[in-house]
ModelCIF file with pLDDT and N, C-alpha, C, O atoms, coordinates in Angstrom:
data_MODEL
#
_entry.id   MODEL 
#
_entity.id                         1 
_entity.type                       polymer 
_entity.pdbx_number_of_molecules   1 
#
_entity_poly.entity_id                      1 
_entity_poly.type                           'polypeptide(L)' 
_entity_poly.nstd_linkage                   no 
_entity_poly.nstd_monomer                   no 
_entity_poly.pdbx_seq_one_letter_code       
;(UNK)(UNK)(UNK)(UNK)(UNK)(UNK)(UNK)(UNK)(UNK)(UNK)(UNK)(UNK)(UNK)(UNK)(UNK)(UNK)
(UNK)(UNK)(UNK)(UNK)(UNK)(UNK)(UNK)(UNK)(UNK)(UNK)(UNK)(UNK)(UNK)(UNK)(UNK)(UNK)
(UNK)(UNK)(UNK)(UNK)(UNK)(UNK)(UNK)(UNK)
;
_entity_poly.pdbx_seq_one_letter_code_can   XXXXXXXXXXXXXXXXXXXXXXXXXXXXXXXXXXXXXXXX 
_entity_poly.pdbx_strand_id                 A 
#
loop_
_entity_poly_seq.entity_id 
_entity_poly_seq.num 
_entity_poly_seq.mon_id 
_entity_poly_seq.hetero 
1 1  UNK n 
1 2  UNK n 
1 3  UNK n 
1 4  UNK n 
1 5  UNK n 
1 6  UNK n 
1 7  UNK n 
1 8  UNK n 
1 9  UNK n 
1 10 UNK n 
1 11 UNK n 
1 12 UNK n 
1 13 UNK n 
1 14 UNK n 
1 15 UNK n 
1 16 UNK n 
1 17 UNK n 
1 18 UNK n 
1 19 UNK n 
1 20 UNK n 
1 21 UNK n 
1 22 UNK n 
1 23 UNK n 
1 24 UNK n 
1 25 UNK n 
1 26 UNK n 
1 27 UNK n 
1 28 UNK n 
1 29 UNK n 
1 30 UNK n 
1 31 UNK n 
1 32 UNK n 
1 33 UNK n 
1 34 UNK n 
1 35 UNK n 
1 36 UNK n 
1 37 UNK n 
1 38 UNK n 
1 39 UNK n 
1 40 UNK n 
#
_struct_asym.id          A 
_struct_asym.entity_id   1 
#
loop_
_ma_qa_metric.id 
_ma_qa_metric.mode 
_ma_qa_metric.name 
_ma_qa_metric.software_group_id 
_ma_qa_metric.type 
1 global pLDDT . pLDDT 
2 local  pLDDT . pLDDT 
#
_ma_qa_metric_global.metric_id      1 
_ma_qa_metric_global.metric_value   83.47 
_ma_qa_metric_global.model_id       1 
_ma_qa_metric_global.ordinal_id     1 
#
loop_
_ma_qa_metric_local.label_asym_id 
_ma_qa_metric_local.label_comp_id 
_ma_qa_metric_local.label_seq_id 
_ma_qa_metric_local.metric_id 
_ma_qa_metric_local.metric_value 
_ma_qa_metric_local.model_id 
_ma_qa_metric_local.ordinal_id 
A UNK 1  2 91.00 1 1  
A UNK 2  2 90.00 1 2  
A UNK 3  2 91.00 1 3  
A UNK 4  2 93.00 1 4  
A UNK 5  2 94.00 1 5  
A UNK 6  2 93.00 1 6  
A UNK 7  2 95.00 1 7  
A UNK 8  2 96.00 1 8  
A UNK 9  2 95.00 1 9  
A UNK 10 2 95.00 1 10 
A UNK 11 2 95.00 1 11 
A UNK 12 2 94.00 1 12 
A UNK 13 2 92.00 1 13 
A UNK 14 2 90.00 1 14 
A UNK 15 2 86.00 1 15 
A UNK 16 2 82.00 1 16 
A UNK 17 2 77.00 1 17 
A UNK 18 2 72.00 1 18 
A UNK 19 2 69.00 1 19 
A UNK 20 2 63.00 1 20 
A UNK 21 2 56.00 1 21 
A UNK 22 2 51.00 1 22 
A UNK 23 2 50.00 1 23 
A UNK 24 2 53.00 1 24 
A UNK 25 2 58.00 1 25 
A UNK 26 2 65.00 1 26 
A UNK 27 2 69.00 1 27 
A UNK 28 2 80.00 1 28 
A UNK 29 2 90.00 1 29 
A UNK 30 2 91.00 1 30 
A UNK 31 2 92.00 1 31 
A UNK 32 2 93.00 1 32 
A UNK 33 2 93.00 1 33 
A UNK 34 2 93.00 1 34 
A UNK 35 2 93.00 1 35 
A UNK 36 2 92.00 1 36 
A UNK 37 2 92.00 1 37 
A UNK 38 2 91.00 1 38 
A UNK 39 2 90.00 1 39 
A UNK 40 2 94.00 1 40 
#
loop_
_atom_site.group_PDB 
_atom_site.id 
_atom_site.type_symbol 
_atom_site.label_atom_id 
_atom_site.label_alt_id 
_atom_site.label_comp_id 
_atom_site.label_asym_id 
_atom_site.label_entity_id 
_atom_site.label_seq_id 
_atom_site.pdbx_PDB_ins_code 
_atom_site.Cartn_x 
_atom_site.Cartn_y 
_atom_site.Cartn_z 
_atom_site.occupancy 
_atom_site.B_iso_or_equiv 
_atom_site.pdbx_formal_charge 
_atom_site.auth_seq_id 
_atom_site.auth_comp_id 
_atom_site.auth_asym_id 
_atom_site.auth_atom_id 
_atom_site.pdbx_PDB_model_num 
ATOM 1   N N  . UNK A 1 1  ? 75.234 128.759 82.707  1.00 91.00 ? 1  UNK A N  1 
ATOM 2   C CA . UNK A 1 1  ? 75.232 129.557 81.459  1.00 91.00 ? 1  UNK A CA 1 
ATOM 3   C C  . UNK A 1 1  ? 73.549 129.912 81.280  1.00 91.00 ? 1  UNK A C  1 
ATOM 4   O O  . UNK A 1 1  ? 73.170 130.654 80.374  1.00 91.00 ? 1  UNK A O  1 
ATOM 5   N N  . UNK A 1 2  ? 72.715 129.365 82.138  1.00 90.00 ? 2  UNK A N  1 
ATOM 6   C CA . UNK A 1 2  ? 71.111 129.716 81.805  1.00 90.00 ? 2  UNK A CA 1 
ATOM 7   C C  . UNK A 1 2  ? 70.635 128.858 80.796  1.00 90.00 ? 2  UNK A C  1 
ATOM 8   O O  . UNK A 1 2  ? 69.640 129.256 80.192  1.00 90.00 ? 2  UNK A O  1 
ATOM 9   N N  . UNK A 1 3  ? 71.103 127.801 80.484  1.00 91.00 ? 3  UNK A N  1 
ATOM 10  C CA . UNK A 1 3  ? 70.212 126.945 79.592  1.00 91.00 ? 3  UNK A CA 1 
ATOM 11  C C  . UNK A 1 3  ? 69.952 125.322 80.395  1.00 91.00 ? 3  UNK A C  1 
ATOM 12  O O  . UNK A 1 3  ? 69.821 124.250 79.805  1.00 91.00 ? 3  UNK A O  1 
ATOM 13  N N  . UNK A 1 4  ? 69.939 125.470 81.340  1.00 93.00 ? 4  UNK A N  1 
ATOM 14  C CA . UNK A 1 4  ? 69.784 124.270 82.317  1.00 93.00 ? 4  UNK A CA 1 
ATOM 15  C C  . UNK A 1 4  ? 68.412 124.876 82.676  1.00 93.00 ? 4  UNK A C  1 
ATOM 16  O O  . UNK A 1 4  ? 68.070 126.017 82.366  1.00 93.00 ? 4  UNK A O  1 
ATOM 17  N N  . UNK A 1 5  ? 67.525 123.827 83.492  1.00 94.00 ? 5  UNK A N  1 
ATOM 18  C CA . UNK A 1 5  ? 66.190 124.307 84.081  1.00 94.00 ? 5  UNK A CA 1 
ATOM 19  C C  . UNK A 1 5  ? 66.386 124.743 85.245  1.00 94.00 ? 5  UNK A C  1 
ATOM 20  O O  . UNK A 1 5  ? 67.194 124.157 85.966  1.00 94.00 ? 5  UNK A O  1 
ATOM 21  N N  . UNK A 1 6  ? 65.675 125.903 85.717  1.00 93.00 ? 6  UNK A N  1 
ATOM 22  C CA . UNK A 1 6  ? 65.556 126.771 86.837  1.00 93.00 ? 6  UNK A CA 1 
ATOM 23  C C  . UNK A 1 6  ? 65.918 125.935 88.231  1.00 93.00 ? 6  UNK A C  1 
ATOM 24  O O  . UNK A 1 6  ? 66.662 126.179 89.181  1.00 93.00 ? 6  UNK A O  1 
ATOM 25  N N  . UNK A 1 7  ? 64.957 124.739 87.864  1.00 95.00 ? 7  UNK A N  1 
ATOM 26  C CA . UNK A 1 7  ? 64.944 123.689 89.318  1.00 95.00 ? 7  UNK A CA 1 
ATOM 27  C C  . UNK A 1 7  ? 66.559 123.089 89.455  1.00 95.00 ? 7  UNK A C  1 
ATOM 28  O O  . UNK A 1 7  ? 66.941 122.721 90.566  1.00 95.00 ? 7  UNK A O  1 
ATOM 29  N N  . UNK A 1 8  ? 67.370 123.020 88.413  1.00 96.00 ? 8  UNK A N  1 
ATOM 30  C CA . UNK A 1 8  ? 68.771 122.839 88.919  1.00 96.00 ? 8  UNK A CA 1 
ATOM 31  C C  . UNK A 1 8  ? 69.604 124.006 89.059  1.00 96.00 ? 8  UNK A C  1 
ATOM 32  O O  . UNK A 1 8  ? 70.578 123.985 89.812  1.00 96.00 ? 8  UNK A O  1 
ATOM 33  N N  . UNK A 1 9  ? 69.307 124.967 88.424  1.00 95.00 ? 9  UNK A N  1 
ATOM 34  C CA . UNK A 1 9  ? 70.263 126.339 88.270  1.00 95.00 ? 9  UNK A CA 1 
ATOM 35  C C  . UNK A 1 9  ? 70.139 126.499 89.752  1.00 95.00 ? 9  UNK A C  1 
ATOM 36  O O  . UNK A 1 9  ? 71.269 126.434 90.237  1.00 95.00 ? 9  UNK A O  1 
ATOM 37  N N  . UNK A 1 10 ? 69.133 126.701 90.761  1.00 95.00 ? 10 UNK A N  1 
ATOM 38  C CA . UNK A 1 10 ? 68.955 127.146 91.732  1.00 95.00 ? 10 UNK A CA 1 
ATOM 39  C C  . UNK A 1 10 ? 69.721 126.082 93.083  1.00 95.00 ? 10 UNK A C  1 
ATOM 40  O O  . UNK A 1 10 ? 69.807 126.283 94.294  1.00 95.00 ? 10 UNK A O  1 
ATOM 41  N N  . UNK A 1 11 ? 70.078 125.195 92.421  1.00 95.00 ? 11 UNK A N  1 
ATOM 42  C CA . UNK A 1 11 ? 70.682 124.289 93.734  1.00 95.00 ? 11 UNK A CA 1 
ATOM 43  C C  . UNK A 1 11 ? 72.162 124.644 93.782  1.00 95.00 ? 11 UNK A C  1 
ATOM 44  O O  . UNK A 1 11 ? 72.790 124.196 94.742  1.00 95.00 ? 11 UNK A O  1 
ATOM 45  N N  . UNK A 1 12 ? 72.877 125.464 92.789  1.00 94.00 ? 12 UNK A N  1 
ATOM 46  C CA . UNK A 1 12 ? 74.201 125.950 92.535  1.00 94.00 ? 12 UNK A CA 1 
ATOM 47  C C  . UNK A 1 12 ? 74.305 127.622 93.296  1.00 94.00 ? 12 UNK A C  1 
ATOM 48  O O  . UNK A 1 12 ? 73.321 128.350 93.419  1.00 94.00 ? 12 UNK A O  1 
ATOM 49  N N  . UNK A 1 13 ? 75.507 127.938 93.678  1.00 92.00 ? 13 UNK A N  1 
ATOM 50  C CA . UNK A 1 13 ? 75.705 129.057 93.974  1.00 92.00 ? 13 UNK A CA 1 
ATOM 51  C C  . UNK A 1 13 ? 76.997 129.426 93.794  1.00 92.00 ? 13 UNK A C  1 
ATOM 52  O O  . UNK A 1 13 ? 77.876 128.580 93.960  1.00 92.00 ? 13 UNK A O  1 
ATOM 53  N N  . UNK A 1 14 ? 77.278 130.565 93.476  1.00 90.00 ? 14 UNK A N  1 
ATOM 54  C CA . UNK A 1 14 ? 78.767 130.977 93.036  1.00 90.00 ? 14 UNK A CA 1 
ATOM 55  C C  . UNK A 1 14 ? 79.685 131.324 94.269  1.00 90.00 ? 14 UNK A C  1 
ATOM 56  O O  . UNK A 1 14 ? 79.042 132.067 95.011  1.00 90.00 ? 14 UNK A O  1 
ATOM 57  N N  . UNK A 1 15 ? 80.657 131.128 94.657  1.00 86.00 ? 15 UNK A N  1 
ATOM 58  C CA . UNK A 1 15 ? 81.464 131.142 95.969  1.00 86.00 ? 15 UNK A CA 1 
ATOM 59  C C  . UNK A 1 15 ? 81.973 132.616 95.606  1.00 86.00 ? 15 UNK A C  1 
ATOM 60  O O  . UNK A 1 15 ? 82.564 132.932 94.574  1.00 86.00 ? 15 UNK A O  1 
ATOM 61  N N  . UNK A 1 16 ? 81.595 133.510 96.748  1.00 82.00 ? 16 UNK A N  1 
ATOM 62  C CA . UNK A 1 16 ? 81.868 134.803 97.047  1.00 82.00 ? 16 UNK A CA 1 
ATOM 63  C C  . UNK A 1 16 ? 82.591 134.718 98.477  1.00 82.00 ? 16 UNK A C  1 
ATOM 64  O O  . UNK A 1 16 ? 82.113 134.391 99.563  1.00 82.00 ? 16 UNK A O  1 
ATOM 65  N N  . UNK A 1 17 ? 83.630 135.033 98.206  1.00 77.00 ? 17 UNK A N  1 
ATOM 66  C CA . UNK A 1 17 ? 84.809 135.140 99.825  1.00 77.00 ? 17 UNK A CA 1 
ATOM 67  C C  . UNK A 1 17 ? 84.294 136.486 100.311 1.00 77.00 ? 17 UNK A C  1 
ATOM 68  O O  . UNK A 1 17 ? 83.913 137.420 99.605  1.00 77.00 ? 17 UNK A O  1 
ATOM 69  N N  . UNK A 1 18 ? 84.350 136.424 101.694 1.00 72.00 ? 18 UNK A N  1 
ATOM 70  C CA . UNK A 1 18 ? 84.096 137.349 102.457 1.00 72.00 ? 18 UNK A CA 1 
ATOM 71  C C  . UNK A 1 18 ? 84.898 138.646 102.390 1.00 72.00 ? 18 UNK A C  1 
ATOM 72  O O  . UNK A 1 18 ? 84.453 139.787 102.515 1.00 72.00 ? 18 UNK A O  1 
ATOM 73  N N  . UNK A 1 19 ? 86.127 138.279 102.177 1.00 69.00 ? 19 UNK A N  1 
ATOM 74  C CA . UNK A 1 19 ? 87.322 139.279 101.995 1.00 69.00 ? 19 UNK A CA 1 
ATOM 75  C C  . UNK A 1 19 ? 87.701 139.130 100.561 1.00 69.00 ? 19 UNK A C  1 
ATOM 76  O O  . UNK A 1 19 ? 88.305 138.081 100.341 1.00 69.00 ? 19 UNK A O  1 
ATOM 77  N N  . UNK A 1 20 ? 87.511 139.884 99.546  1.00 63.00 ? 20 UNK A N  1 
ATOM 78  C CA . UNK A 1 20 ? 87.920 140.094 98.223  1.00 63.00 ? 20 UNK A CA 1 
ATOM 79  C C  . UNK A 1 20 ? 89.372 140.320 98.051  1.00 63.00 ? 20 UNK A C  1 
ATOM 80  O O  . UNK A 1 20 ? 89.859 141.450 98.074  1.00 63.00 ? 20 UNK A O  1 
ATOM 81  N N  . UNK A 1 21 ? 90.048 139.260 97.882  1.00 56.00 ? 21 UNK A N  1 
ATOM 82  C CA . UNK A 1 21 ? 91.696 139.128 97.667  1.00 56.00 ? 21 UNK A CA 1 
ATOM 83  C C  . UNK A 1 21 ? 91.971 139.702 96.489  1.00 56.00 ? 21 UNK A C  1 
ATOM 84  O O  . UNK A 1 21 ? 91.175 139.574 95.559  1.00 56.00 ? 21 UNK A O  1 
ATOM 85  N N  . UNK A 1 22 ? 93.308 140.526 96.328  1.00 51.00 ? 22 UNK A N  1 
ATOM 86  C CA . UNK A 1 22 ? 93.539 141.221 95.142  1.00 51.00 ? 22 UNK A CA 1 
ATOM 87  C C  . UNK A 1 22 ? 93.875 140.467 94.152  1.00 51.00 ? 22 UNK A C  1 
ATOM 88  O O  . UNK A 1 22 ? 93.829 140.906 93.003  1.00 51.00 ? 22 UNK A O  1 
ATOM 89  N N  . UNK A 1 23 ? 94.385 138.836 94.507  1.00 50.00 ? 23 UNK A N  1 
ATOM 90  C CA . UNK A 1 23 ? 95.008 137.978 93.358  1.00 50.00 ? 23 UNK A CA 1 
ATOM 91  C C  . UNK A 1 23 ? 94.027 137.122 93.168  1.00 50.00 ? 23 UNK A C  1 
ATOM 92  O O  . UNK A 1 23 ? 94.250 136.242 92.336  1.00 50.00 ? 23 UNK A O  1 
ATOM 93  N N  . UNK A 1 24 ? 92.655 137.124 93.879  1.00 53.00 ? 24 UNK A N  1 
ATOM 94  C CA . UNK A 1 24 ? 91.694 136.165 93.434  1.00 53.00 ? 24 UNK A CA 1 
ATOM 95  C C  . UNK A 1 24 ? 90.683 136.910 92.296  1.00 53.00 ? 24 UNK A C  1 
ATOM 96  O O  . UNK A 1 24 ? 89.778 137.654 92.674  1.00 53.00 ? 24 UNK A O  1 
ATOM 97  N N  . UNK A 1 25 ? 90.895 136.673 91.069  1.00 58.00 ? 25 UNK A N  1 
ATOM 98  C CA . UNK A 1 25 ? 89.634 136.931 89.893  1.00 58.00 ? 25 UNK A CA 1 
ATOM 99  C C  . UNK A 1 25 ? 88.816 135.793 89.503  1.00 58.00 ? 25 UNK A C  1 
ATOM 100 O O  . UNK A 1 25 ? 88.031 135.860 88.557  1.00 58.00 ? 25 UNK A O  1 
ATOM 101 N N  . UNK A 1 26 ? 89.008 134.576 90.330  1.00 65.00 ? 26 UNK A N  1 
ATOM 102 C CA . UNK A 1 26 ? 88.344 133.386 89.828  1.00 65.00 ? 26 UNK A CA 1 
ATOM 103 C C  . UNK A 1 26 ? 86.875 133.463 90.460  1.00 65.00 ? 26 UNK A C  1 
ATOM 104 O O  . UNK A 1 26 ? 86.673 133.221 91.650  1.00 65.00 ? 26 UNK A O  1 
ATOM 105 N N  . UNK A 1 27 ? 85.839 133.831 89.533  1.00 69.00 ? 27 UNK A N  1 
ATOM 106 C CA . UNK A 1 27 ? 84.386 133.749 89.795  1.00 69.00 ? 27 UNK A CA 1 
ATOM 107 C C  . UNK A 1 27 ? 83.499 132.705 89.558  1.00 69.00 ? 27 UNK A C  1 
ATOM 108 O O  . UNK A 1 27 ? 82.277 132.610 89.681  1.00 69.00 ? 27 UNK A O  1 
ATOM 109 N N  . UNK A 1 28 ? 84.623 131.720 89.085  1.00 80.00 ? 28 UNK A N  1 
ATOM 110 C CA . UNK A 1 28 ? 83.747 130.489 88.879  1.00 80.00 ? 28 UNK A CA 1 
ATOM 111 C C  . UNK A 1 28 ? 83.627 129.237 89.544  1.00 80.00 ? 28 UNK A C  1 
ATOM 112 O O  . UNK A 1 28 ? 83.024 128.222 89.196  1.00 80.00 ? 28 UNK A O  1 
ATOM 113 N N  . UNK A 1 29 ? 84.277 129.468 90.522  1.00 90.00 ? 29 UNK A N  1 
ATOM 114 C CA . UNK A 1 29 ? 84.224 128.473 91.746  1.00 90.00 ? 29 UNK A CA 1 
ATOM 115 C C  . UNK A 1 29 ? 82.406 128.349 92.552  1.00 90.00 ? 29 UNK A C  1 
ATOM 116 O O  . UNK A 1 29 ? 81.664 129.293 92.823  1.00 90.00 ? 29 UNK A O  1 
ATOM 117 N N  . UNK A 1 30 ? 82.179 127.039 92.728  1.00 91.00 ? 30 UNK A N  1 
ATOM 118 C CA . UNK A 1 30 ? 80.817 127.008 93.408  1.00 91.00 ? 30 UNK A CA 1 
ATOM 119 C C  . UNK A 1 30 ? 80.904 126.608 94.783  1.00 91.00 ? 30 UNK A C  1 
ATOM 120 O O  . UNK A 1 30 ? 81.729 125.771 95.149  1.00 91.00 ? 30 UNK A O  1 
ATOM 121 N N  . UNK A 1 31 ? 80.103 127.160 95.554  1.00 92.00 ? 31 UNK A N  1 
ATOM 122 C CA . UNK A 1 31 ? 79.944 126.558 96.886  1.00 92.00 ? 31 UNK A CA 1 
ATOM 123 C C  . UNK A 1 31 ? 79.649 125.244 97.000  1.00 92.00 ? 31 UNK A C  1 
ATOM 124 O O  . UNK A 1 31 ? 78.835 124.754 96.218  1.00 92.00 ? 31 UNK A O  1 
ATOM 125 N N  . UNK A 1 32 ? 80.148 124.606 97.808  1.00 93.00 ? 32 UNK A N  1 
ATOM 126 C CA . UNK A 1 32 ? 79.891 123.054 98.081  1.00 93.00 ? 32 UNK A CA 1 
ATOM 127 C C  . UNK A 1 32 ? 79.472 123.141 99.324  1.00 93.00 ? 32 UNK A C  1 
ATOM 128 O O  . UNK A 1 32 ? 80.175 123.562 100.243 1.00 93.00 ? 32 UNK A O  1 
ATOM 129 N N  . UNK A 1 33 ? 78.042 122.662 99.468  1.00 93.00 ? 33 UNK A N  1 
ATOM 130 C CA . UNK A 1 33 ? 77.278 122.742 100.636 1.00 93.00 ? 33 UNK A CA 1 
ATOM 131 C C  . UNK A 1 33 ? 77.725 121.632 101.454 1.00 93.00 ? 33 UNK A C  1 
ATOM 132 O O  . UNK A 1 33 ? 78.481 120.745 101.058 1.00 93.00 ? 33 UNK A O  1 
ATOM 133 N N  . UNK A 1 34 ? 77.076 121.749 102.958 1.00 93.00 ? 34 UNK A N  1 
ATOM 134 C CA . UNK A 1 34 ? 77.518 120.894 103.926 1.00 93.00 ? 34 UNK A CA 1 
ATOM 135 C C  . UNK A 1 34 ? 76.349 119.829 104.203 1.00 93.00 ? 34 UNK A C  1 
ATOM 136 O O  . UNK A 1 34 ? 75.168 120.033 104.483 1.00 93.00 ? 34 UNK A O  1 
ATOM 137 N N  . UNK A 1 35 ? 77.108 118.540 104.024 1.00 93.00 ? 35 UNK A N  1 
ATOM 138 C CA . UNK A 1 35 ? 75.932 117.378 103.996 1.00 93.00 ? 35 UNK A CA 1 
ATOM 139 C C  . UNK A 1 35 ? 76.555 116.233 105.300 1.00 93.00 ? 35 UNK A C  1 
ATOM 140 O O  . UNK A 1 35 ? 77.727 116.199 105.675 1.00 93.00 ? 35 UNK A O  1 
ATOM 141 N N  . UNK A 1 36 ? 75.779 115.632 105.664 1.00 92.00 ? 36 UNK A N  1 
ATOM 142 C CA . UNK A 1 36 ? 76.194 114.773 106.781 1.00 92.00 ? 36 UNK A CA 1 
ATOM 143 C C  . UNK A 1 36 ? 76.948 113.222 106.349 1.00 92.00 ? 36 UNK A C  1 
ATOM 144 O O  . UNK A 1 36 ? 77.833 112.681 107.013 1.00 92.00 ? 36 UNK A O  1 
ATOM 145 N N  . UNK A 1 37 ? 76.401 112.736 105.186 1.00 92.00 ? 37 UNK A N  1 
ATOM 146 C CA . UNK A 1 37 ? 76.825 111.321 105.017 1.00 92.00 ? 37 UNK A CA 1 
ATOM 147 C C  . UNK A 1 37 ? 77.323 111.443 103.843 1.00 92.00 ? 37 UNK A C  1 
ATOM 148 O O  . UNK A 1 37 ? 76.824 112.257 103.066 1.00 92.00 ? 37 UNK A O  1 
ATOM 149 N N  . UNK A 1 38 ? 78.459 110.625 103.458 1.00 91.00 ? 38 UNK A N  1 
ATOM 150 C CA . UNK A 1 38 ? 79.191 110.411 102.208 1.00 91.00 ? 38 UNK A CA 1 
ATOM 151 C C  . UNK A 1 38 ? 78.533 109.540 101.225 1.00 91.00 ? 38 UNK A C  1 
ATOM 152 O O  . UNK A 1 38 ? 78.747 109.743 100.029 1.00 91.00 ? 38 UNK A O  1 
ATOM 153 N N  . UNK A 1 39 ? 77.682 108.501 101.639 1.00 90.00 ? 39 UNK A N  1 
ATOM 154 C CA . UNK A 1 39 ? 76.729 107.575 100.872 1.00 90.00 ? 39 UNK A CA 1 
ATOM 155 C C  . UNK A 1 39 ? 75.437 108.359 100.354 1.00 90.00 ? 39 UNK A C  1 
ATOM 156 O O  . UNK A 1 39 ? 74.883 108.040 99.302  1.00 90.00 ? 39 UNK A O  1 
ATOM 157 N N  . UNK A 1 40 ? 74.994 109.405 101.163 1.00 94.00 ? 40 UNK A N  1 
ATOM 158 C CA . UNK A 1 40 ? 73.761 109.896 100.653 1.00 94.00 ? 40 UNK A CA 1 
ATOM 159 C C  . UNK A 1 40 ? 73.968 111.472 100.258 1.00 94.00 ? 40 UNK A C  1 
ATOM 160 O O  . UNK A 1 40 ? 73.031 112.119 99.790  1.00 94.00 ? 40 UNK A O  1 
#
């Protein structure tokens, strides 16, 4: 909602499905990046 620093906001991305499903109107899901380790 644009009240946080830009350096944090740019770390998050809204999830956009490759195929727009008719039943999916939820635009508040965020992408979870791929990482290698659980502890880091």
